[in-house]
Amino acid sequence: MRLTTLLDTMDHSGSGPWPTDSTATTDDRQQFDRMVADLIPCRSNDPELWFAERQADVERAKALCQTCPLIEGCLAGAVERAEPWGVWGGQVFVGGVVVPTKRGRGRPRKVAAA
């Protein structure tokens, strides 16, 4: 199921952002969260994965992001907010800037690992 199809099934008074006033009840938001949990990887996997220290975990989070229907909006929002760190929209942020790879903790190796 495409996310747009899913969103069309929700009756929240037309298109646009989810209402923040009293017209959207907590039950409405919980119902929406349950419906999209299977479509959005960061909602259905361990949230710590997107803020992991280990390179393998970071790469796994990036790979999961590639299946997300919201990847472009997530990345655009993270760039706009200058997210301090984590995986957003399939990219790694460190210090509010997109970096190609996240360096592991500690001192770098003098000799590259084989």
PDB file of N, CA and C in Angstrom:
ATOM      1  N   MET A   1       0.842  -1.178   0.000  1.00  0.00           N
ATOM      2  CA  MET A   1       0.000   0.000   0.000  1.00  0.00           C
ATOM      3  C   MET A   1       0.890   1.245   0.000  1.00  0.00           C
ATOM      4  N   ARG A   2       0.579   2.168  -0.866  1.00  0.00           N
ATOM      5  CA  ARG A   2       1.335   3.407  -0.917  1.00  0.00           C
ATOM      6  C   ARG A   2       0.881   4.328   0.213  1.00  0.00           C
ATOM      7  N   LEU A   3       1.804   5.164   0.673  1.00  0.00           N
ATOM      8  CA  LEU A   3       1.494   6.051   1.786  1.00  0.00           C
ATOM      9  C   LEU A   3       0.384   7.027   1.412  1.00  0.00           C
ATOM     10  N   THR A   4       0.371   7.516   0.168  1.00  0.00           N
ATOM     11  CA  THR A   4      -0.680   8.463  -0.225  1.00  0.00           C
ATOM     12  C   THR A   4      -2.054   7.803  -0.165  1.00  0.00           C
ATOM     13  N   THR A   5      -2.123   6.534  -0.532  1.00  0.00           N
ATOM     14  CA  THR A   5      -3.386   5.801  -0.432  1.00  0.00           C
ATOM     15  C   THR A   5      -3.806   5.690   1.024  1.00  0.00           C
ATOM     16  N   LEU A   6      -2.841   5.401   1.872  1.00  0.00           N
ATOM     17  CA  LEU A   6      -3.120   5.293   3.302  1.00  0.00           C
ATOM     18  C   LEU A   6      -3.613   6.619   3.866  1.00  0.00           C
ATOM     19  N   LEU A   7      -2.960   7.692   3.494  1.00  0.00           N
ATOM     20  CA  LEU A   7      -3.360   8.999   3.996  1.00  0.00           C
ATOM     21  C   LEU A   7      -4.752   9.383   3.504  1.00  0.00           C
ATOM     22  N   ASP A   8      -5.108   8.954   2.283  1.00  0.00           N
ATOM     23  CA  ASP A   8      -6.440   9.256   1.764  1.00  0.00           C
ATOM     24  C   ASP A   8      -7.530   8.550   2.557  1.00  0.00           C
ATOM     25  N   THR A   9      -7.205   7.440   3.196  1.00  0.00           N
ATOM     26  CA  THR A   9      -8.210   6.729   3.973  1.00  0.00           C
ATOM     27  C   THR A   9      -8.480   7.410   5.310  1.00  0.00           C
ATOM     28  N   MET A  10      -7.570   8.269   5.742  1.00  0.00           N
ATOM     29  CA  MET A  10      -7.750   8.979   7.008  1.00  0.00           C
ATOM     30  C   MET A  10      -8.585  10.224   6.751  1.00  0.00           C
ATOM     31  N   ASP A  11      -9.612  10.433   7.536  1.00  0.00           N
ATOM     32  CA  ASP A  11     -10.446  11.615   7.394  1.00  0.00           C
ATOM     33  C   ASP A  11      -9.969  12.668   8.391  1.00  0.00           C
ATOM     34  N   HIS A  12      -9.136  13.578   7.897  1.00  0.00           N
ATOM     35  CA  HIS A  12      -8.687  14.670   8.768  1.00  0.00           C
ATOM     36  C   HIS A  12      -8.922  16.018   8.094  1.00  0.00           C
ATOM     37  N   SER A  13     -10.096  16.128   7.500  1.00  0.00           N
ATOM     38  CA  SER A  13     -10.586  17.397   6.946  1.00  0.00           C
ATOM     39  C   SER A  13      -9.730  17.934   5.814  1.00  0.00           C
ATOM     40  N   GLY A  14      -9.461  17.130   4.816  1.00  0.00           N
ATOM     41  CA  GLY A  14      -8.774  17.598   3.627  1.00  0.00           C
ATOM     42  C   GLY A  14      -7.280  17.375   3.665  1.00  0.00           C
ATOM     43  N   SER A  15      -6.614  17.933   2.660  1.00  0.00           N
ATOM     44  CA  SER A  15      -5.174  17.746   2.555  1.00  0.00           C
ATOM     45  C   SER A  15      -4.443  18.767   3.411  1.00  0.00           C
ATOM     46  N   GLY A  16      -3.147  18.609   3.475  1.00  0.00           N
ATOM     47  CA  GLY A  16      -2.342  19.522   4.277  1.00  0.00           C
ATOM     48  C   GLY A  16      -1.797  18.821   5.496  1.00  0.00           C
ATOM     49  N   PRO A  17      -1.108  19.560   6.332  1.00  0.00           N
ATOM     50  CA  PRO A  17      -0.510  18.938   7.516  1.00  0.00           C
ATOM     51  C   PRO A  17      -1.565  18.452   8.493  1.00  0.00           C
ATOM     52  N   TRP A  18      -1.167  17.494   9.305  1.00  0.00           N
ATOM     53  CA  TRP A  18      -2.070  16.955  10.312  1.00  0.00           C
ATOM     54  C   TRP A  18      -2.501  18.080  11.245  1.00  0.00           C
ATOM     55  N   PRO A  19      -3.790  18.214  11.530  1.00  0.00           N
ATOM     56  CA  PRO A  19      -4.251  19.315  12.373  1.00  0.00           C
ATOM     57  C   PRO A  19      -3.637  19.249  13.770  1.00  0.00           C
ATOM     58  N   THR A  20      -3.233  20.401  14.258  1.00  0.00           N
ATOM     59  CA  THR A  20      -2.653  20.462  15.598  1.00  0.00           C
ATOM     60  C   THR A  20      -3.652  20.988  16.619  1.00  0.00           C
ATOM     61  N   ASP A  21      -4.817  21.388  16.152  1.00  0.00           N
ATOM     62  CA  ASP A  21      -5.808  21.905  17.090  1.00  0.00           C
ATOM     63  C   ASP A  21      -6.599  20.751  17.707  1.00  0.00           C
ATOM     64  N   SER A  22      -7.660  21.066  18.365  1.00  0.00           N
ATOM     65  CA  SER A  22      -8.421  20.059  19.102  1.00  0.00           C
ATOM     66  C   SER A  22      -9.246  19.145  18.202  1.00  0.00           C
ATOM     67  N   THR A  23      -9.293  19.392  16.878  1.00  0.00           N
ATOM     68  CA  THR A  23     -10.086  18.526  16.001  1.00  0.00           C
ATOM     69  C   THR A  23      -9.446  17.152  15.828  1.00  0.00           C
ATOM     70  N   ALA A  24      -8.132  17.041  15.983  1.00  0.00           N
ATOM     71  CA  ALA A  24      -7.451  15.748  15.893  1.00  0.00           C
ATOM     72  C   ALA A  24      -7.275  15.207  17.308  1.00  0.00           C
ATOM     73  N   THR A  25      -7.948  14.127  17.585  1.00  0.00           N
ATOM     74  CA  THR A  25      -7.870  13.560  18.928  1.00  0.00           C
ATOM     75  C   THR A  25      -6.639  12.672  19.053  1.00  0.00           C
ATOM     76  N   THR A  26      -6.328  12.327  20.269  1.00  0.00           N
ATOM     77  CA  THR A  26      -5.218  11.417  20.527  1.00  0.00           C
ATOM     78  C   THR A  26      -5.480  10.076  19.859  1.00  0.00           C
ATOM     79  N   ASP A  27      -6.731   9.632  19.838  1.00  0.00           N
ATOM     80  CA  ASP A  27      -7.080   8.369  19.183  1.00  0.00           C
ATOM     81  C   ASP A  27      -6.802   8.435  17.689  1.00  0.00           C
ATOM     82  N   ASP A  28      -7.079   9.591  17.054  1.00  0.00           N
ATOM     83  CA  ASP A  28      -6.795   9.766  15.630  1.00  0.00           C
ATOM     84  C   ASP A  28      -5.302   9.620  15.362  1.00  0.00           C
ATOM     85  N   ARG A  29      -4.490  10.247  16.187  1.00  0.00           N
ATOM     86  CA  ARG A  29      -3.041  10.178  16.003  1.00  0.00           C
ATOM     87  C   ARG A  29      -2.528   8.765  16.241  1.00  0.00           C
ATOM     88  N   GLN A  30      -3.059   8.081  17.231  1.00  0.00           N
ATOM     89  CA  GLN A  30      -2.639   6.708  17.507  1.00  0.00           C
ATOM     90  C   GLN A  30      -3.051   5.781  16.369  1.00  0.00           C
ATOM     91  N   GLN A  31      -4.224   6.004  15.813  1.00  0.00           N
ATOM     92  CA  GLN A  31      -4.674   5.192  14.680  1.00  0.00           C
ATOM     93  C   GLN A  31      -3.761   5.425  13.485  1.00  0.00           C
ATOM     94  N   PHE A  32      -3.415   6.668  13.227  1.00  0.00           N
ATOM     95  CA  PHE A  32      -2.516   6.985  12.123  1.00  0.00           C
ATOM     96  C   PHE A  32      -1.146   6.342  12.343  1.00  0.00           C
ATOM     97  N   ASP A  33      -0.615   6.437  13.562  1.00  0.00           N
ATOM     98  CA  ASP A  33       0.687   5.840  13.868  1.00  0.00           C
ATOM     99  C   ASP A  33       0.680   4.332  13.634  1.00  0.00           C
ATOM    100  N   ARG A  34      -0.392   3.665  14.019  1.00  0.00           N
ATOM    101  CA  ARG A  34      -0.483   2.221  13.797  1.00  0.00           C
ATOM    102  C   ARG A  34      -0.520   1.896  12.311  1.00  0.00           C
ATOM    103  N   MET A  35      -1.212   2.719  11.525  1.00  0.00           N
ATOM    104  CA  MET A  35      -1.354   2.453  10.099  1.00  0.00           C
ATOM    105  C   MET A  35      -0.041   2.643   9.345  1.00  0.00           C
ATOM    106  N   VAL A  36       0.756   3.616   9.738  1.00  0.00           N
ATOM    107  CA  VAL A  36       1.994   3.880   9.004  1.00  0.00           C
ATOM    108  C   VAL A  36       3.199   3.152   9.575  1.00  0.00           C
ATOM    109  N   ALA A  37       3.049   2.511  10.712  1.00  0.00           N
ATOM    110  CA  ALA A  37       4.188   1.859  11.367  1.00  0.00           C
ATOM    111  C   ALA A  37       4.877   0.856  10.448  1.00  0.00           C
ATOM    112  N   ASP A  38       4.132   0.130   9.645  1.00  0.00           N
ATOM    113  CA  ASP A  38       4.730  -0.859   8.756  1.00  0.00           C
ATOM    114  C   ASP A  38       5.361  -0.223   7.520  1.00  0.00           C
ATOM    115  N   LEU A  39       4.982   0.987   7.179  1.00  0.00           N
ATOM    116  CA  LEU A  39       5.504   1.641   5.981  1.00  0.00           C
ATOM    117  C   LEU A  39       6.746   2.483   6.244  1.00  0.00           C
ATOM    118  N   ILE A  40       6.911   2.939   7.461  1.00  0.00           N
ATOM    119  CA  ILE A  40       8.011   3.840   7.786  1.00  0.00           C
ATOM    120  C   ILE A  40       8.997   3.096   8.689  1.00  0.00           C
ATOM    121  N   PRO A  41      10.206   2.815   8.180  1.00  0.00           N
ATOM    122  CA  PRO A  41      11.157   1.990   8.929  1.00  0.00           C
ATOM    123  C   PRO A  41      11.531   2.532  10.301  1.00  0.00           C
ATOM    124  N   CYS A  42      11.612   3.826  10.464  1.00  0.00           N
ATOM    125  CA  CYS A  42      12.012   4.375  11.756  1.00  0.00           C
ATOM    126  C   CYS A  42      10.907   4.227  12.798  1.00  0.00           C
ATOM    127  N   ARG A  43       9.692   3.931  12.378  1.00  0.00           N
ATOM    128  CA  ARG A  43       8.593   3.687  13.311  1.00  0.00           C
ATOM    129  C   ARG A  43       8.480   2.213  13.680  1.00  0.00           C
ATOM    130  N   SER A  44       8.970   1.310  12.796  1.00  0.00           N
ATOM    131  CA  SER A  44       8.793  -0.119  13.036  1.00  0.00           C
ATOM    132  C   SER A  44      10.069  -0.817  13.491  1.00  0.00           C
ATOM    133  N   ASN A  45      11.190  -0.113  13.555  1.00  0.00           N
ATOM    134  CA  ASN A  45      12.453  -0.675  14.030  1.00  0.00           C
ATOM    135  C   ASN A  45      12.897   0.066  15.288  1.00  0.00           C
ATOM    136  N   ASP A  46      13.972  -0.407  15.870  1.00  0.00           N
ATOM    137  CA  ASP A  46      14.512   0.211  17.075  1.00  0.00           C
ATOM    138  C   ASP A  46      14.952   1.650  16.761  1.00  0.00           C
ATOM    139  N   PRO A  47      14.389   2.655  17.425  1.00  0.00           N
ATOM    140  CA  PRO A  47      14.745   4.048  17.137  1.00  0.00           C
ATOM    141  C   PRO A  47      16.226   4.351  17.385  1.00  0.00           C
ATOM    142  N   GLU A  48      16.856   3.600  18.290  1.00  0.00           N
ATOM    143  CA  GLU A  48      18.275   3.824  18.580  1.00  0.00           C
ATOM    144  C   GLU A  48      19.155   3.532  17.376  1.00  0.00           C
ATOM    145  N   LEU A  49      18.660   2.740  16.437  1.00  0.00           N
ATOM    146  CA  LEU A  49      19.435   2.390  15.248  1.00  0.00           C
ATOM    147  C   LEU A  49      19.809   3.631  14.443  1.00  0.00           C
ATOM    148  N   TRP A  50      18.947   4.629  14.430  1.00  0.00           N
ATOM    149  CA  TRP A  50      19.193   5.842  13.651  1.00  0.00           C
ATOM    150  C   TRP A  50      20.159   6.804  14.351  1.00  0.00           C
ATOM    151  N   PHE A  51      20.563   6.470  15.556  1.00  0.00           N
ATOM    152  CA  PHE A  51      21.512   7.290  16.304  1.00  0.00           C
ATOM    153  C   PHE A  51      22.642   6.415  16.857  1.00  0.00           C
ATOM    154  N   ALA A  52      22.944   5.335  16.155  1.00  0.00           N
ATOM    155  CA  ALA A  52      23.920   4.352  16.623  1.00  0.00           C
ATOM    156  C   ALA A  52      25.353   4.873  16.493  1.00  0.00           C
ATOM    157  N   GLU A  53      26.229   4.270  17.258  1.00  0.00           N
ATOM    158  CA  GLU A  53      27.652   4.595  17.207  1.00  0.00           C
ATOM    159  C   GLU A  53      28.395   3.669  16.244  1.00  0.00           C
ATOM    160  N   ARG A  54      27.988   2.399  16.184  1.00  0.00           N
ATOM    161  CA  ARG A  54      28.679   1.428  15.335  1.00  0.00           C
ATOM    162  C   ARG A  54      28.380   1.680  13.861  1.00  0.00           C
ATOM    163  N   GLN A  55      29.420   1.629  13.041  1.00  0.00           N
ATOM    164  CA  GLN A  55      29.289   1.877  11.601  1.00  0.00           C
ATOM    165  C   GLN A  55      28.304   0.904  10.951  1.00  0.00           C
ATOM    166  N   ALA A  56      28.323  -0.357  11.359  1.00  0.00           N
ATOM    167  CA  ALA A  56      27.424  -1.348  10.769  1.00  0.00           C
ATOM    168  C   ALA A  56      25.960  -0.988  11.045  1.00  0.00           C
ATOM    169  N   ASP A  57      25.676  -0.502  12.235  1.00  0.00           N
ATOM    170  CA  ASP A  57      24.303  -0.102  12.574  1.00  0.00           C
ATOM    171  C   ASP A  57      23.873   1.129  11.778  1.00  0.00           C
ATOM    172  N   VAL A  58      24.789   2.062  11.601  1.00  0.00           N
ATOM    173  CA  VAL A  58      24.485   3.267  10.815  1.00  0.00           C
ATOM    174  C   VAL A  58      24.178   2.887   9.369  1.00  0.00           C
ATOM    175  N   GLU A  59      24.970   1.985   8.811  1.00  0.00           N
ATOM    176  CA  GLU A  59      24.739   1.543   7.431  1.00  0.00           C
ATOM    177  C   GLU A  59      23.412   0.795   7.310  1.00  0.00           C
ATOM    178  N   ARG A  60      23.044   0.045   8.325  1.00  0.00           N
ATOM    179  CA  ARG A  60      21.754  -0.654   8.318  1.00  0.00           C
ATOM    180  C   ARG A  60      20.603   0.349   8.333  1.00  0.00           C
ATOM    181  N   ALA A  61      20.734   1.395   9.146  1.00  0.00           N
ATOM    182  CA  ALA A  61      19.697   2.436   9.199  1.00  0.00           C
ATOM    183  C   ALA A  61      19.574   3.133   7.840  1.00  0.00           C
ATOM    184  N   LYS A  62      20.703   3.426   7.219  1.00  0.00           N
ATOM    185  CA  LYS A  62      20.681   4.065   5.897  1.00  0.00           C
ATOM    186  C   LYS A  62      19.994   3.171   4.872  1.00  0.00           C
ATOM    187  N   ALA A  63      20.263   1.866   4.931  1.00  0.00           N
ATOM    188  CA  ALA A  63      19.639   0.927   4.003  1.00  0.00           C
ATOM    189  C   ALA A  63      18.130   0.853   4.230  1.00  0.00           C
ATOM    190  N   LEU A  64      17.697   0.856   5.485  1.00  0.00           N
ATOM    191  CA  LEU A  64      16.266   0.830   5.781  1.00  0.00           C
ATOM    192  C   LEU A  64      15.584   2.099   5.280  1.00  0.00           C
ATOM    193  N   CYS A  65      16.275   3.220   5.339  1.00  0.00           N
ATOM    194  CA  CYS A  65      15.703   4.483   4.865  1.00  0.00           C
ATOM    195  C   CYS A  65      15.399   4.444   3.363  1.00  0.00           C
ATOM    196  N   GLN A  66      16.161   3.676   2.617  1.00  0.00           N
ATOM    197  CA  GLN A  66      15.960   3.629   1.168  1.00  0.00           C
ATOM    198  C   GLN A  66      14.598   3.057   0.785  1.00  0.00           C
ATOM    199  N   THR A  67      13.949   2.330   1.700  1.00  0.00           N
ATOM    200  CA  THR A  67      12.632   1.756   1.418  1.00  0.00           C
ATOM    201  C   THR A  67      11.494   2.669   1.869  1.00  0.00           C
ATOM    202  N   CYS A  68      11.816   3.782   2.511  1.00  0.00           N
ATOM    203  CA  CYS A  68      10.798   4.649   3.100  1.00  0.00           C
ATOM    204  C   CYS A  68      10.174   5.577   2.051  1.00  0.00           C
ATOM    205  N   PRO A  69       8.847   5.701   2.045  1.00  0.00           N
ATOM    206  CA  PRO A  69       8.194   6.603   1.096  1.00  0.00           C
ATOM    207  C   PRO A  69       8.374   8.083   1.457  1.00  0.00           C
ATOM    208  N   LEU A  70       8.874   8.382   2.650  1.00  0.00           N
ATOM    209  CA  LEU A  70       9.032   9.765   3.090  1.00  0.00           C
ATOM    210  C   LEU A  70      10.481  10.236   3.069  1.00  0.00           C
ATOM    211  N   ILE A  71      11.361   9.548   2.360  1.00  0.00           N
ATOM    212  CA  ILE A  71      12.788   9.811   2.429  1.00  0.00           C
ATOM    213  C   ILE A  71      13.142  11.246   2.020  1.00  0.00           C
ATOM    214  N   GLU A  72      12.533  11.753   0.957  1.00  0.00           N
ATOM    215  CA  GLU A  72      12.868  13.103   0.498  1.00  0.00           C
ATOM    216  C   GLU A  72      12.462  14.163   1.515  1.00  0.00           C
ATOM    217  N   GLY A  73      11.256  14.044   2.045  1.00  0.00           N
ATOM    218  CA  GLY A  73      10.783  15.009   3.036  1.00  0.00           C
ATOM    219  C   GLY A  73      11.565  14.931   4.332  1.00  0.00           C
ATOM    220  N   CYS A  74      11.941  13.726   4.713  1.00  0.00           N
ATOM    221  CA  CYS A  74      12.731  13.543   5.931  1.00  0.00           C
ATOM    222  C   CYS A  74      14.082  14.228   5.789  1.00  0.00           C
ATOM    223  N   LEU A  75      14.740  14.018   4.647  1.00  0.00           N
ATOM    224  CA  LEU A  75      16.043  14.642   4.413  1.00  0.00           C
ATOM    225  C   LEU A  75      15.923  16.161   4.340  1.00  0.00           C
ATOM    226  N   ALA A  76      14.911  16.650   3.641  1.00  0.00           N
ATOM    227  CA  ALA A  76      14.728  18.102   3.532  1.00  0.00           C
ATOM    228  C   ALA A  76      14.482  18.735   4.898  1.00  0.00           C
ATOM    229  N   GLY A  77      13.672  18.084   5.718  1.00  0.00           N
ATOM    230  CA  GLY A  77      13.404  18.603   7.055  1.00  0.00           C
ATOM    231  C   GLY A  77      14.637  18.601   7.923  1.00  0.00           C
ATOM    232  N   ALA A  78      15.443  17.549   7.813  1.00  0.00           N
ATOM    233  CA  ALA A  78      16.672  17.461   8.613  1.00  0.00           C
ATOM    234  C   ALA A  78      17.678  18.527   8.209  1.00  0.00           C
ATOM    235  N   VAL A  79      17.783  18.787   6.915  1.00  0.00           N
ATOM    236  CA  VAL A  79      18.687  19.846   6.438  1.00  0.00           C
ATOM    237  C   VAL A  79      18.198  21.204   6.934  1.00  0.00           C
ATOM    238  N   GLU A  80      16.886  21.438   6.845  1.00  0.00           N
ATOM    239  CA  GLU A  80      16.307  22.706   7.296  1.00  0.00           C
ATOM    240  C   GLU A  80      16.531  22.935   8.792  1.00  0.00           C
ATOM    241  N   ARG A  81      16.396  21.869   9.572  1.00  0.00           N
ATOM    242  CA  ARG A  81      16.573  21.975  11.022  1.00  0.00           C
ATOM    243  C   ARG A  81      18.026  21.871  11.453  1.00  0.00           C
ATOM    244  N   ALA A  82      18.913  21.532  10.513  1.00  0.00           N
ATOM    245  CA  ALA A  82      20.336  21.303  10.808  1.00  0.00           C
ATOM    246  C   ALA A  82      20.473  20.302  11.952  1.00  0.00           C
ATOM    247  N   GLU A  83      19.885  19.117  11.751  1.00  0.00           N
ATOM    248  CA  GLU A  83      19.914  18.072  12.778  1.00  0.00           C
ATOM    249  C   GLU A  83      21.342  17.838  13.241  1.00  0.00           C
ATOM    250  N   PRO A  84      21.574  17.792  14.543  1.00  0.00           N
ATOM    251  CA  PRO A  84      22.944  17.673  15.042  1.00  0.00           C
ATOM    252  C   PRO A  84      23.601  16.330  14.746  1.00  0.00           C
ATOM    253  N   TRP A  85      22.823  15.248  14.711  1.00  0.00           N
ATOM    254  CA  TRP A  85      23.415  13.955  14.397  1.00  0.00           C
ATOM    255  C   TRP A  85      22.338  12.927  14.147  1.00  0.00           C
ATOM    256  N   GLY A  86      22.743  11.805  13.553  1.00  0.00           N
ATOM    257  CA  GLY A  86      21.816  10.714  13.286  1.00  0.00           C
ATOM    258  C   GLY A  86      21.643  10.477  11.806  1.00  0.00           C
ATOM    259  N   VAL A  87      20.846   9.483  11.482  1.00  0.00           N
ATOM    260  CA  VAL A  87      20.518   9.166  10.087  1.00  0.00           C
ATOM    261  C   VAL A  87      19.145   9.755   9.804  1.00  0.00           C
ATOM    262  N   TRP A  88      19.097  10.613   8.802  1.00  0.00           N
ATOM    263  CA  TRP A  88      17.857  11.282   8.403  1.00  0.00           C
ATOM    264  C   TRP A  88      17.754  11.214   6.887  1.00  0.00           C
ATOM    265  N   GLY A  89      16.666  10.697   6.371  1.00  0.00           N
ATOM    266  CA  GLY A  89      16.480  10.638   4.921  1.00  0.00           C
ATOM    267  C   GLY A  89      17.567   9.840   4.216  1.00  0.00           C
ATOM    268  N   GLY A  90      18.103   8.838   4.884  1.00  0.00           N
ATOM    269  CA  GLY A  90      19.120   7.992   4.275  1.00  0.00           C
ATOM    270  C   GLY A  90      20.516   8.585   4.280  1.00  0.00           C
ATOM    271  N   GLN A  91      20.698   9.713   4.957  1.00  0.00           N
ATOM    272  CA  GLN A  91      22.003  10.371   5.023  1.00  0.00           C
ATOM    273  C   GLN A  91      22.443  10.489   6.478  1.00  0.00           C
ATOM    274  N   VAL A  92      23.752  10.560   6.667  1.00  0.00           N
ATOM    275  CA  VAL A  92      24.307  10.677   8.012  1.00  0.00           C
ATOM    276  C   VAL A  92      24.572  12.153   8.303  1.00  0.00           C
ATOM    277  N   PHE A  93      24.082  12.620   9.447  1.00  0.00           N
ATOM    278  CA  PHE A  93      24.306  13.992   9.886  1.00  0.00           C
ATOM    279  C   PHE A  93      25.260  13.983  11.076  1.00  0.00           C
ATOM    280  N   VAL A  94      26.269  14.824  11.014  1.00  0.00           N
ATOM    281  CA  VAL A  94      27.176  15.039  12.139  1.00  0.00           C
ATOM    282  C   VAL A  94      27.367  16.549  12.242  1.00  0.00           C
ATOM    283  N   GLY A  95      27.025  17.103  13.365  1.00  0.00           N
ATOM    284  CA  GLY A  95      27.165  18.543  13.555  1.00  0.00           C
ATOM    285  C   GLY A  95      26.289  19.367  12.634  1.00  0.00           C
ATOM    286  N   GLY A  96      25.122  18.831  12.250  1.00  0.00           N
ATOM    287  CA  GLY A  96      24.187  19.568  11.406  1.00  0.00           C
ATOM    288  C   GLY A  96      24.518  19.540   9.926  1.00  0.00           C
ATOM    289  N   VAL A  97      25.516  18.736   9.525  1.00  0.00           N
ATOM    290  CA  VAL A  97      25.952  18.671   8.132  1.00  0.00           C
ATOM    291  C   VAL A  97      25.916  17.212   7.669  1.00  0.00           C
ATOM    292  N   VAL A  98      25.540  16.994   6.406  1.00  0.00           N
ATOM    293  CA  VAL A  98      25.553  15.656   5.839  1.00  0.00           C
ATOM    294  C   VAL A  98      27.006  15.245   5.598  1.00  0.00           C
ATOM    295  N   VAL A  99      27.366  14.049   6.063  1.00  0.00           N
ATOM    296  CA  VAL A  99      28.710  13.510   5.847  1.00  0.00           C
ATOM    297  C   VAL A  99      28.580  12.175   5.109  1.00  0.00           C
ATOM    298  N   PRO A 100      29.599  11.799   4.304  1.00  0.00           N
ATOM    299  CA  PRO A 100      29.483  10.552   3.540  1.00  0.00           C
ATOM    300  C   PRO A 100      29.432   9.306   4.420  1.00  0.00           C
ATOM    301  N   THR A 101      30.249   9.248   5.447  1.00  0.00           N
ATOM    302  CA  THR A 101      30.239   8.118   6.382  1.00  0.00           C
ATOM    303  C   THR A 101      30.536   8.642   7.773  1.00  0.00           C
ATOM    304  N   LYS A 102      30.058   7.913   8.743  1.00  0.00           N
ATOM    305  CA  LYS A 102      30.311   8.297  10.124  1.00  0.00           C
ATOM    306  C   LYS A 102      31.551   7.556  10.605  1.00  0.00           C
ATOM    307  N   ARG A 103      32.499   8.285  11.125  1.00  0.00           N
ATOM    308  CA  ARG A 103      33.701   7.673  11.669  1.00  0.00           C
ATOM    309  C   ARG A 103      33.364   7.094  13.028  1.00  0.00           C
ATOM    310  N   GLY A 104      33.902   5.920  13.294  1.00  0.00           N
ATOM    311  CA  GLY A 104      33.650   5.263  14.568  1.00  0.00           C
ATOM    312  C   GLY A 104      34.276   6.022  15.719  1.00  0.00           C
ATOM    313  N   ARG A 105      33.907   5.622  16.933  1.00  0.00           N
ATOM    314  CA  ARG A 105      34.458   6.260  18.128  1.00  0.00           C
ATOM    315  C   ARG A 105      35.919   5.905  18.281  1.00  0.00           C
ATOM    316  N   GLY A 106      36.633   6.758  18.974  1.00  0.00           N
ATOM    317  CA  GLY A 106      38.031   6.489  19.255  1.00  0.00           C
ATOM    318  C   GLY A 106      38.971   7.010  18.191  1.00  0.00           C
ATOM    319  N   ARG A 107      40.200   6.673  18.363  1.00  0.00           N
ATOM    320  CA  ARG A 107      41.256   7.129  17.476  1.00  0.00           C
ATOM    321  C   ARG A 107      41.250   6.313  16.172  1.00  0.00           C
ATOM    322  N   PRO A 108      41.458   6.958  15.018  1.00  0.00           N
ATOM    323  CA  PRO A 108      41.471   6.204  13.760  1.00  0.00           C
ATOM    324  C   PRO A 108      42.667   5.253  13.702  1.00  0.00           C
ATOM    325  N   ARG A 109      42.535   4.166  12.964  1.00  0.00           N
ATOM    326  CA  ARG A 109      43.618   3.209  12.801  1.00  0.00           C
ATOM    327  C   ARG A 109      44.745   3.822  11.986  1.00  0.00           C
ATOM    328  N   LYS A 110      45.963   3.457  12.311  1.00  0.00           N
ATOM    329  CA  LYS A 110      47.115   3.923  11.533  1.00  0.00           C
ATOM    330  C   LYS A 110      47.207   3.173  10.214  1.00  0.00           C
ATOM    331  N   VAL A 111      46.802   1.907  10.242  1.00  0.00           N
ATOM    332  CA  VAL A 111      46.815   1.081   9.033  1.00  0.00           C
ATOM    333  C   VAL A 111      45.360   0.716   8.727  1.00  0.00           C
ATOM    334  N   ALA A 112      44.952   0.902   7.479  1.00  0.00           N
ATOM    335  CA  ALA A 112      43.575   0.589   7.104  1.00  0.00           C
ATOM    336  C   ALA A 112      43.285  -0.890   7.311  1.00  0.00           C
ATOM    337  N   ALA A 113      42.110  -1.198   7.806  1.00  0.00           N
ATOM    338  CA  ALA A 113      41.703  -2.589   8.024  1.00  0.00           C
ATOM    339  C   ALA A 113      41.526  -3.288   6.690  1.00  0.00           C
ATOM    340  N   ALA A 114      41.922  -4.537   6.630  1.00  0.00           N
ATOM    341  CA  ALA A 114      41.840  -5.299   5.380  1.00  0.00           C
ATOM    342  C   ALA A 114      40.426  -5.702   5.078  1.00  0.00           C
TER     343      ALA A 114
END
